Amino acid sequence: MGWEDLLVRVDPKDYDEGMPSYPGIVLTVHCTLKGAQVGGILGCVAGVVRWRPKTWTLRGLGLGAPLGILAVVGKSQTLDADGIIDRGYRVAHNRLQTATDVLSVGGAAAGVLVSFLFRRPVLPLAAFGFVSGSTTGFANFIYEKTRSD
């Protein structure tokens, strides 16, 4: 039991269809993205309040991602390998979470593309795209949850 359980490889044939080979890594990436998404959105909000959205968004992303990693490592101390496998499986099959992650990473990729096309600094536009995609994903998540309940 501990962080080394995050690196356990499972044979997907022994589980339901669609089981990831490394569910602990799926869980770690998920928590890292969630930390970056929350940090980026809160940083953007703080930046609007302080009239420095670019600076605060980058700070939020820079703080949120490591906090997401620390959260999953901390939580792994209370889970055994089966608990990590279960959570990794549930994360991999949660349609709304996956859509939010795809939108946030897609937004970051769009920001990088725009920065190359218009010869602008990459990091601020990638951060803006990531936060925009995250916000869209969160809004979609809330909409779908309220609609289905």
N, C-alpha and C. Protein backbone atom coordinates (compact mmCIF):
# COMPACT_ATOMS: atom_id res chain seq x y z
N MET A 1 0.86 -1.18 0.00
CA MET A 1 0.00 0.00 0.00
C MET A 1 0.90 1.23 0.00
N GLY A 2 0.69 2.11 -0.96
CA GLY A 2 1.47 3.33 -1.05
C GLY A 2 1.62 3.78 -2.48
N TRP A 3 2.51 4.74 -2.69
CA TRP A 3 2.65 5.32 -4.02
C TRP A 3 3.14 4.32 -5.04
N GLU A 4 3.88 3.30 -4.63
CA GLU A 4 4.35 2.31 -5.59
C GLU A 4 3.19 1.53 -6.22
N ASP A 5 2.03 1.49 -5.55
CA ASP A 5 0.85 0.84 -6.13
C ASP A 5 0.33 1.60 -7.35
N LEU A 6 0.72 2.86 -7.48
CA LEU A 6 0.31 3.64 -8.65
C LEU A 6 0.97 3.12 -9.93
N LEU A 7 2.06 2.37 -9.79
CA LEU A 7 2.81 1.89 -10.95
C LEU A 7 2.51 0.43 -11.29
N VAL A 8 1.54 -0.16 -10.61
CA VAL A 8 1.20 -1.56 -10.84
C VAL A 8 0.58 -1.75 -12.22
N ARG A 9 1.10 -2.75 -12.94
CA ARG A 9 0.54 -3.09 -14.25
C ARG A 9 -0.45 -4.23 -14.06
N VAL A 10 -1.60 -4.09 -14.67
CA VAL A 10 -2.61 -5.15 -14.62
C VAL A 10 -2.79 -5.74 -16.02
N ASP A 11 -3.23 -6.97 -16.06
CA ASP A 11 -3.53 -7.59 -17.35
C ASP A 11 -4.99 -7.27 -17.66
N PRO A 12 -5.25 -6.44 -18.68
CA PRO A 12 -6.63 -6.05 -18.98
C PRO A 12 -7.55 -7.23 -19.26
N LYS A 13 -7.01 -8.37 -19.66
CA LYS A 13 -7.84 -9.54 -19.94
C LYS A 13 -8.48 -10.11 -18.67
N ASP A 14 -7.89 -9.79 -17.51
CA ASP A 14 -8.43 -10.30 -16.25
C ASP A 14 -9.58 -9.44 -15.73
N TYR A 15 -9.87 -8.33 -16.39
CA TYR A 15 -10.88 -7.38 -15.93
C TYR A 15 -11.89 -7.13 -17.05
N ASP A 16 -12.82 -6.21 -16.77
CA ASP A 16 -13.80 -5.82 -17.78
C ASP A 16 -13.11 -5.21 -18.99
N GLU A 17 -13.86 -5.19 -20.07
CA GLU A 17 -13.33 -4.59 -21.30
C GLU A 17 -13.00 -3.11 -21.07
N GLY A 18 -11.89 -2.69 -21.57
CA GLY A 18 -11.50 -1.29 -21.46
C GLY A 18 -10.67 -0.96 -20.23
N MET A 19 -10.26 -1.96 -19.48
CA MET A 19 -9.41 -1.70 -18.31
C MET A 19 -8.05 -1.21 -18.79
N PRO A 20 -7.59 -0.05 -18.29
CA PRO A 20 -6.25 0.42 -18.68
C PRO A 20 -5.18 -0.49 -18.09
N SER A 21 -4.06 -0.62 -18.81
CA SER A 21 -2.96 -1.47 -18.34
C SER A 21 -2.32 -0.92 -17.07
N TYR A 22 -2.29 0.40 -16.94
CA TYR A 22 -1.71 1.06 -15.76
C TYR A 22 -2.76 1.99 -15.15
N PRO A 23 -3.71 1.45 -14.39
CA PRO A 23 -4.78 2.30 -13.84
C PRO A 23 -4.26 3.36 -12.87
N GLY A 24 -3.15 3.10 -12.19
CA GLY A 24 -2.60 4.10 -11.29
C GLY A 24 -2.08 5.32 -12.02
N ILE A 25 -1.53 5.10 -13.20
CA ILE A 25 -1.05 6.22 -14.00
C ILE A 25 -2.24 7.00 -14.56
N VAL A 26 -3.31 6.30 -14.94
CA VAL A 26 -4.53 6.98 -15.38
C VAL A 26 -5.05 7.87 -14.25
N LEU A 27 -5.05 7.36 -13.04
CA LEU A 27 -5.51 8.13 -11.89
C LEU A 27 -4.59 9.33 -11.62
N THR A 28 -3.29 9.15 -11.75
CA THR A 28 -2.34 10.24 -11.52
C THR A 28 -2.50 11.34 -12.56
N VAL A 29 -2.62 10.96 -13.82
CA VAL A 29 -2.82 11.96 -14.88
C VAL A 29 -4.14 12.70 -14.65
N HIS A 30 -5.16 11.98 -14.27
CA HIS A 30 -6.47 12.60 -14.00
C HIS A 30 -6.36 13.64 -12.89
N CYS A 31 -5.74 13.28 -11.77
CA CYS A 31 -5.62 14.20 -10.65
C CYS A 31 -4.72 15.39 -10.99
N THR A 32 -3.68 15.16 -11.77
CA THR A 32 -2.80 16.25 -12.19
C THR A 32 -3.58 17.23 -13.07
N LEU A 33 -4.35 16.70 -14.02
CA LEU A 33 -5.16 17.57 -14.87
C LEU A 33 -6.20 18.34 -14.05
N LYS A 34 -6.84 17.65 -13.11
CA LYS A 34 -7.84 18.34 -12.28
C LYS A 34 -7.19 19.45 -11.46
N GLY A 35 -6.02 19.18 -10.90
CA GLY A 35 -5.32 20.22 -10.15
C GLY A 35 -4.98 21.40 -11.02
N ALA A 36 -4.48 21.14 -12.23
CA ALA A 36 -4.13 22.23 -13.15
C ALA A 36 -5.39 22.98 -13.59
N GLN A 37 -6.48 22.26 -13.83
CA GLN A 37 -7.71 22.91 -14.26
C GLN A 37 -8.25 23.83 -13.18
N VAL A 38 -8.34 23.33 -11.97
CA VAL A 38 -8.85 24.15 -10.87
C VAL A 38 -7.90 25.31 -10.59
N GLY A 39 -6.59 25.03 -10.55
CA GLY A 39 -5.62 26.09 -10.32
C GLY A 39 -5.65 27.15 -11.39
N GLY A 40 -5.76 26.73 -12.65
CA GLY A 40 -5.82 27.69 -13.75
C GLY A 40 -7.06 28.55 -13.72
N ILE A 41 -8.20 27.94 -13.43
CA ILE A 41 -9.45 28.71 -13.37
C ILE A 41 -9.42 29.68 -12.19
N LEU A 42 -9.00 29.20 -11.02
CA LEU A 42 -8.91 30.10 -9.85
C LEU A 42 -7.88 31.20 -10.09
N GLY A 43 -6.76 30.84 -10.73
CA GLY A 43 -5.75 31.85 -11.05
C GLY A 43 -6.28 32.88 -12.01
N CYS A 44 -7.06 32.46 -12.98
CA CYS A 44 -7.65 33.39 -13.94
C CYS A 44 -8.64 34.33 -13.24
N VAL A 45 -9.45 33.77 -12.36
CA VAL A 45 -10.39 34.61 -11.60
C VAL A 45 -9.64 35.61 -10.73
N ALA A 46 -8.59 35.14 -10.05
CA ALA A 46 -7.78 36.04 -9.23
C ALA A 46 -7.12 37.10 -10.10
N GLY A 47 -6.70 36.72 -11.30
CA GLY A 47 -6.07 37.67 -12.21
C GLY A 47 -7.02 38.74 -12.69
N VAL A 48 -8.27 38.36 -12.94
CA VAL A 48 -9.26 39.36 -13.35
C VAL A 48 -9.51 40.34 -12.21
N VAL A 49 -9.59 39.82 -10.99
CA VAL A 49 -9.80 40.69 -9.83
C VAL A 49 -8.60 41.64 -9.64
N ARG A 50 -7.39 41.13 -9.88
CA ARG A 50 -6.17 41.93 -9.67
C ARG A 50 -5.67 42.59 -10.96
N TRP A 51 -6.42 42.47 -12.05
CA TRP A 51 -6.08 43.07 -13.34
C TRP A 51 -4.79 42.51 -13.94
N ARG A 52 -4.46 41.26 -13.65
CA ARG A 52 -3.29 40.59 -14.23
C ARG A 52 -3.63 39.14 -14.56
N PRO A 53 -4.58 38.92 -15.48
CA PRO A 53 -5.02 37.54 -15.71
C PRO A 53 -3.93 36.61 -16.22
N LYS A 54 -3.03 37.09 -17.08
CA LYS A 54 -2.00 36.21 -17.63
C LYS A 54 -1.07 35.70 -16.53
N THR A 55 -0.60 36.60 -15.69
CA THR A 55 0.33 36.23 -14.62
C THR A 55 -0.33 35.27 -13.64
N TRP A 56 -1.53 35.58 -13.21
CA TRP A 56 -2.19 34.76 -12.21
C TRP A 56 -2.64 33.41 -12.77
N THR A 57 -3.01 33.36 -14.05
CA THR A 57 -3.38 32.08 -14.65
C THR A 57 -2.19 31.15 -14.68
N LEU A 58 -1.02 31.67 -15.08
CA LEU A 58 0.19 30.85 -15.11
C LEU A 58 0.56 30.39 -13.71
N ARG A 59 0.41 31.27 -12.72
CA ARG A 59 0.69 30.87 -11.33
C ARG A 59 -0.27 29.78 -10.87
N GLY A 60 -1.54 29.94 -11.21
CA GLY A 60 -2.53 28.93 -10.83
C GLY A 60 -2.24 27.58 -11.44
N LEU A 61 -1.89 27.57 -12.73
CA LEU A 61 -1.53 26.31 -13.39
C LEU A 61 -0.29 25.71 -12.75
N GLY A 62 0.69 26.56 -12.49
CA GLY A 62 1.95 26.09 -11.91
C GLY A 62 1.79 25.55 -10.51
N LEU A 63 0.82 26.05 -9.77
CA LEU A 63 0.57 25.58 -8.42
C LEU A 63 -0.41 24.40 -8.42
N GLY A 64 -1.41 24.44 -9.30
CA GLY A 64 -2.45 23.42 -9.29
C GLY A 64 -1.97 22.04 -9.71
N ALA A 65 -1.13 21.96 -10.75
CA ALA A 65 -0.67 20.65 -11.23
C ALA A 65 0.13 19.90 -10.17
N PRO A 66 1.13 20.54 -9.52
CA PRO A 66 1.84 19.80 -8.46
C PRO A 66 0.94 19.42 -7.29
N LEU A 67 -0.03 20.27 -6.97
CA LEU A 67 -0.95 19.92 -5.89
C LEU A 67 -1.79 18.71 -6.26
N GLY A 68 -2.16 18.58 -7.54
CA GLY A 68 -2.88 17.39 -7.99
C GLY A 68 -2.05 16.13 -7.84
N ILE A 69 -0.75 16.23 -8.16
CA ILE A 69 0.14 15.08 -7.99
C ILE A 69 0.27 14.73 -6.51
N LEU A 70 0.46 15.74 -5.67
CA LEU A 70 0.57 15.49 -4.23
C LEU A 70 -0.71 14.87 -3.68
N ALA A 71 -1.86 15.30 -4.20
CA ALA A 71 -3.14 14.75 -3.74
C ALA A 71 -3.24 13.27 -4.05
N VAL A 72 -2.85 12.88 -5.27
CA VAL A 72 -2.96 11.46 -5.61
C VAL A 72 -1.94 10.62 -4.86
N VAL A 73 -0.76 11.16 -4.64
CA VAL A 73 0.24 10.41 -3.86
C VAL A 73 -0.24 10.27 -2.41
N GLY A 74 -0.81 11.35 -1.87
CA GLY A 74 -1.34 11.28 -0.50
C GLY A 74 -2.50 10.30 -0.38
N LYS A 75 -3.41 10.34 -1.35
CA LYS A 75 -4.56 9.44 -1.32
C LYS A 75 -4.13 7.98 -1.50
N SER A 76 -3.04 7.78 -2.27
CA SER A 76 -2.59 6.40 -2.50
C SER A 76 -2.11 5.75 -1.21
N GLN A 77 -1.79 6.55 -0.20
CA GLN A 77 -1.37 5.98 1.07
C GLN A 77 -2.51 5.30 1.80
N THR A 78 -3.75 5.69 1.47
CA THR A 78 -4.91 5.10 2.13
C THR A 78 -5.59 4.03 1.28
N LEU A 79 -5.14 3.85 0.05
CA LEU A 79 -5.74 2.86 -0.84
C LEU A 79 -4.79 1.68 -1.03
N ASP A 80 -5.36 0.50 -1.19
CA ASP A 80 -4.53 -0.64 -1.57
C ASP A 80 -4.53 -0.72 -3.10
N ALA A 81 -3.83 -1.70 -3.65
CA ALA A 81 -3.72 -1.83 -5.10
C ALA A 81 -5.09 -2.00 -5.75
N ASP A 82 -5.99 -2.76 -5.10
CA ASP A 82 -7.32 -2.95 -5.67
C ASP A 82 -8.11 -1.64 -5.71
N GLY A 83 -7.95 -0.80 -4.69
CA GLY A 83 -8.62 0.49 -4.68
C GLY A 83 -8.12 1.40 -5.79
N ILE A 84 -6.82 1.38 -6.03
CA ILE A 84 -6.25 2.20 -7.11
C ILE A 84 -6.71 1.67 -8.47
N ILE A 85 -6.74 0.35 -8.62
CA ILE A 85 -7.22 -0.24 -9.87
C ILE A 85 -8.67 0.13 -10.11
N ASP A 86 -9.50 0.08 -9.06
CA ASP A 86 -10.91 0.44 -9.19
C ASP A 86 -11.08 1.89 -9.59
N ARG A 87 -10.37 2.79 -8.93
CA ARG A 87 -10.50 4.21 -9.26
C ARG A 87 -9.97 4.53 -10.64
N GLY A 88 -8.87 3.90 -11.02
CA GLY A 88 -8.34 4.10 -12.37
C GLY A 88 -9.33 3.65 -13.44
N TYR A 89 -10.00 2.53 -13.17
CA TYR A 89 -11.01 2.02 -14.11
C TYR A 89 -12.18 3.00 -14.20
N ARG A 90 -12.66 3.47 -13.05
CA ARG A 90 -13.81 4.40 -13.06
C ARG A 90 -13.47 5.71 -13.75
N VAL A 91 -12.25 6.22 -13.53
CA VAL A 91 -11.84 7.46 -14.20
C VAL A 91 -11.78 7.25 -15.71
N ALA A 92 -11.22 6.12 -16.13
CA ALA A 92 -11.08 5.85 -17.56
C ALA A 92 -12.43 5.73 -18.26
N HIS A 93 -13.48 5.35 -17.52
CA HIS A 93 -14.80 5.15 -18.12
C HIS A 93 -15.81 6.23 -17.77
N ASN A 94 -15.36 7.32 -17.15
CA ASN A 94 -16.26 8.42 -16.84
C ASN A 94 -16.30 9.37 -18.05
N ARG A 95 -17.36 9.30 -18.80
CA ARG A 95 -17.49 10.04 -20.05
C ARG A 95 -17.36 11.55 -19.86
N LEU A 96 -17.98 12.09 -18.82
CA LEU A 96 -17.93 13.54 -18.61
C LEU A 96 -16.54 14.02 -18.19
N GLN A 97 -15.86 13.24 -17.34
CA GLN A 97 -14.50 13.60 -16.94
C GLN A 97 -13.56 13.55 -18.15
N THR A 98 -13.71 12.53 -18.95
CA THR A 98 -12.87 12.38 -20.13
C THR A 98 -13.11 13.54 -21.10
N ALA A 99 -14.36 13.94 -21.28
CA ALA A 99 -14.67 15.08 -22.16
C ALA A 99 -14.03 16.36 -21.64
N THR A 100 -14.07 16.59 -20.33
CA THR A 100 -13.45 17.78 -19.74
C THR A 100 -11.94 17.77 -19.98
N ASP A 101 -11.32 16.61 -19.80
CA ASP A 101 -9.88 16.51 -20.02
C ASP A 101 -9.51 16.75 -21.47
N VAL A 102 -10.30 16.19 -22.38
CA VAL A 102 -10.03 16.37 -23.81
C VAL A 102 -10.18 17.85 -24.19
N LEU A 103 -11.21 18.51 -23.67
CA LEU A 103 -11.41 19.93 -23.98
C LEU A 103 -10.26 20.78 -23.44
N SER A 104 -9.78 20.48 -22.24
CA SER A 104 -8.70 21.29 -21.67
C SER A 104 -7.39 21.09 -22.43
N VAL A 105 -7.06 19.85 -22.74
CA VAL A 105 -5.82 19.59 -23.49
C VAL A 105 -5.96 20.09 -24.93
N GLY A 106 -7.14 19.92 -25.50
CA GLY A 106 -7.39 20.46 -26.85
C GLY A 106 -7.29 21.98 -26.88
N GLY A 107 -7.78 22.63 -25.84
CA GLY A 107 -7.66 24.09 -25.75
C GLY A 107 -6.21 24.53 -25.66
N ALA A 108 -5.41 23.80 -24.89
CA ALA A 108 -3.99 24.11 -24.78
C ALA A 108 -3.30 23.93 -26.13
N ALA A 109 -3.65 22.85 -26.84
CA ALA A 109 -3.08 22.61 -28.17
C ALA A 109 -3.47 23.72 -29.14
N ALA A 110 -4.72 24.17 -29.06
CA ALA A 110 -5.15 25.27 -29.92
C ALA A 110 -4.38 26.55 -29.59
N GLY A 111 -4.13 26.78 -28.32
CA GLY A 111 -3.34 27.95 -27.91
C GLY A 111 -1.92 27.90 -28.45
N VAL A 112 -1.32 26.71 -28.42
CA VAL A 112 0.02 26.54 -28.98
C VAL A 112 0.00 26.79 -30.49
N LEU A 113 -1.00 26.27 -31.18
CA LEU A 113 -1.11 26.46 -32.61
C LEU A 113 -1.26 27.95 -32.95
N VAL A 114 -2.12 28.64 -32.23
CA VAL A 114 -2.31 30.08 -32.46
C VAL A 114 -1.01 30.84 -32.21
N SER A 115 -0.29 30.46 -31.19
CA SER A 115 0.97 31.15 -30.89
C SER A 115 1.98 30.98 -32.02
N PHE A 116 2.01 29.79 -32.61
CA PHE A 116 2.93 29.58 -33.74
C PHE A 116 2.46 30.33 -34.99
N LEU A 117 1.17 30.33 -35.24
CA LEU A 117 0.65 31.00 -36.43
C LEU A 117 0.86 32.51 -36.37
N PHE A 118 0.68 33.10 -35.20
CA PHE A 118 0.79 34.55 -35.07
C PHE A 118 2.08 35.01 -34.41
N ARG A 119 3.01 34.06 -34.23
CA ARG A 119 4.33 34.36 -33.67
C ARG A 119 4.22 35.12 -32.33
N ARG A 120 3.47 34.53 -31.43
CA ARG A 120 3.29 35.08 -30.09
C ARG A 120 3.89 34.12 -29.07
N PRO A 121 4.11 34.58 -27.84
CA PRO A 121 4.64 33.67 -26.80
C PRO A 121 3.71 32.47 -26.59
N VAL A 122 4.31 31.30 -26.49
CA VAL A 122 3.54 30.05 -26.43
C VAL A 122 2.84 29.88 -25.08
N LEU A 123 3.56 30.05 -23.99
CA LEU A 123 3.03 29.71 -22.68
C LEU A 123 1.73 30.43 -22.32
N PRO A 124 1.64 31.75 -22.49
CA PRO A 124 0.37 32.42 -22.14
C PRO A 124 -0.81 31.94 -22.98
N LEU A 125 -0.59 31.74 -24.28
CA LEU A 125 -1.70 31.29 -25.13
C LEU A 125 -2.08 29.84 -24.85
N ALA A 126 -1.09 29.00 -24.56
CA ALA A 126 -1.40 27.62 -24.19
C ALA A 126 -2.17 27.59 -22.87
N ALA A 127 -1.76 28.42 -21.92
CA ALA A 127 -2.47 28.49 -20.63
C ALA A 127 -3.89 29.00 -20.83
N PHE A 128 -4.05 30.02 -21.66
CA PHE A 128 -5.38 30.55 -21.94
C PHE A 128 -6.26 29.48 -22.59
N GLY A 129 -5.70 28.74 -23.56
CA GLY A 129 -6.46 27.67 -24.19
C GLY A 129 -6.83 26.57 -23.21
N PHE A 130 -5.88 26.21 -22.34
CA PHE A 130 -6.14 25.18 -21.34
C PHE A 130 -7.27 25.59 -20.40
N VAL A 131 -7.20 26.83 -19.91
CA VAL A 131 -8.23 27.31 -18.99
C VAL A 131 -9.56 27.46 -19.70
N SER A 132 -9.55 27.93 -20.94
CA SER A 132 -10.80 28.04 -21.71
C SER A 132 -11.43 26.66 -21.92
N GLY A 133 -10.61 25.70 -22.30
CA GLY A 133 -11.12 24.34 -22.48
C GLY A 133 -11.61 23.74 -21.18
N SER A 134 -10.88 24.00 -20.09
CA SER A 134 -11.30 23.49 -18.78
C SER A 134 -12.63 24.09 -18.36
N THR A 135 -12.79 25.39 -18.57
CA THR A 135 -14.04 26.06 -18.20
C THR A 135 -15.20 25.51 -19.03
N THR A 136 -14.96 25.32 -20.31
CA THR A 136 -15.99 24.74 -21.18
C THR A 136 -16.33 23.32 -20.73
N GLY A 137 -15.31 22.55 -20.39
CA GLY A 137 -15.54 21.19 -19.91
C GLY A 137 -16.31 21.15 -18.60
N PHE A 138 -15.96 22.05 -17.67
CA PHE A 138 -16.68 22.11 -16.40
C PHE A 138 -18.14 22.50 -16.62
N ALA A 139 -18.36 23.49 -17.50
CA ALA A 139 -19.73 23.92 -17.79
C ALA A 139 -20.52 22.77 -18.40
N ASN A 140 -19.90 22.03 -19.32
CA ASN A 140 -20.56 20.88 -19.93
C ASN A 140 -20.84 19.81 -18.87
N PHE A 141 -19.89 19.57 -17.98
CA PHE A 141 -20.05 18.58 -16.92
C PHE A 141 -21.26 18.95 -16.05
N ILE A 142 -21.34 20.20 -15.62
CA ILE A 142 -22.45 20.64 -14.77
C ILE A 142 -23.77 20.54 -15.52
N TYR A 143 -23.78 20.97 -16.78
CA TYR A 143 -25.00 20.90 -17.59
C TYR A 143 -25.49 19.46 -17.73
N GLU A 144 -24.58 18.57 -18.08
CA GLU A 144 -24.97 17.16 -18.27
C GLU A 144 -25.42 16.53 -16.96
N LYS A 145 -24.76 16.86 -15.86
CA LYS A 145 -25.15 16.30 -14.55
C LYS A 145 -26.54 16.77 -14.14
N THR A 146 -26.81 18.06 -14.31
CA THR A 146 -28.13 18.58 -13.91
C THR A 146 -29.22 18.07 -14.85
N ARG A 147 -28.88 17.86 -16.09
CA ARG A 147 -29.86 17.36 -17.05
C ARG A 147 -30.21 15.91 -16.79
N SER A 148 -29.24 15.10 -16.36
CA SER A 148 -29.49 13.67 -16.14
C SER A 148 -30.11 13.39 -14.77
N ASP A 149 -29.96 14.31 -13.82
CA ASP A 149 -30.51 14.06 -12.47
C ASP A 149 -31.97 14.43 -12.35
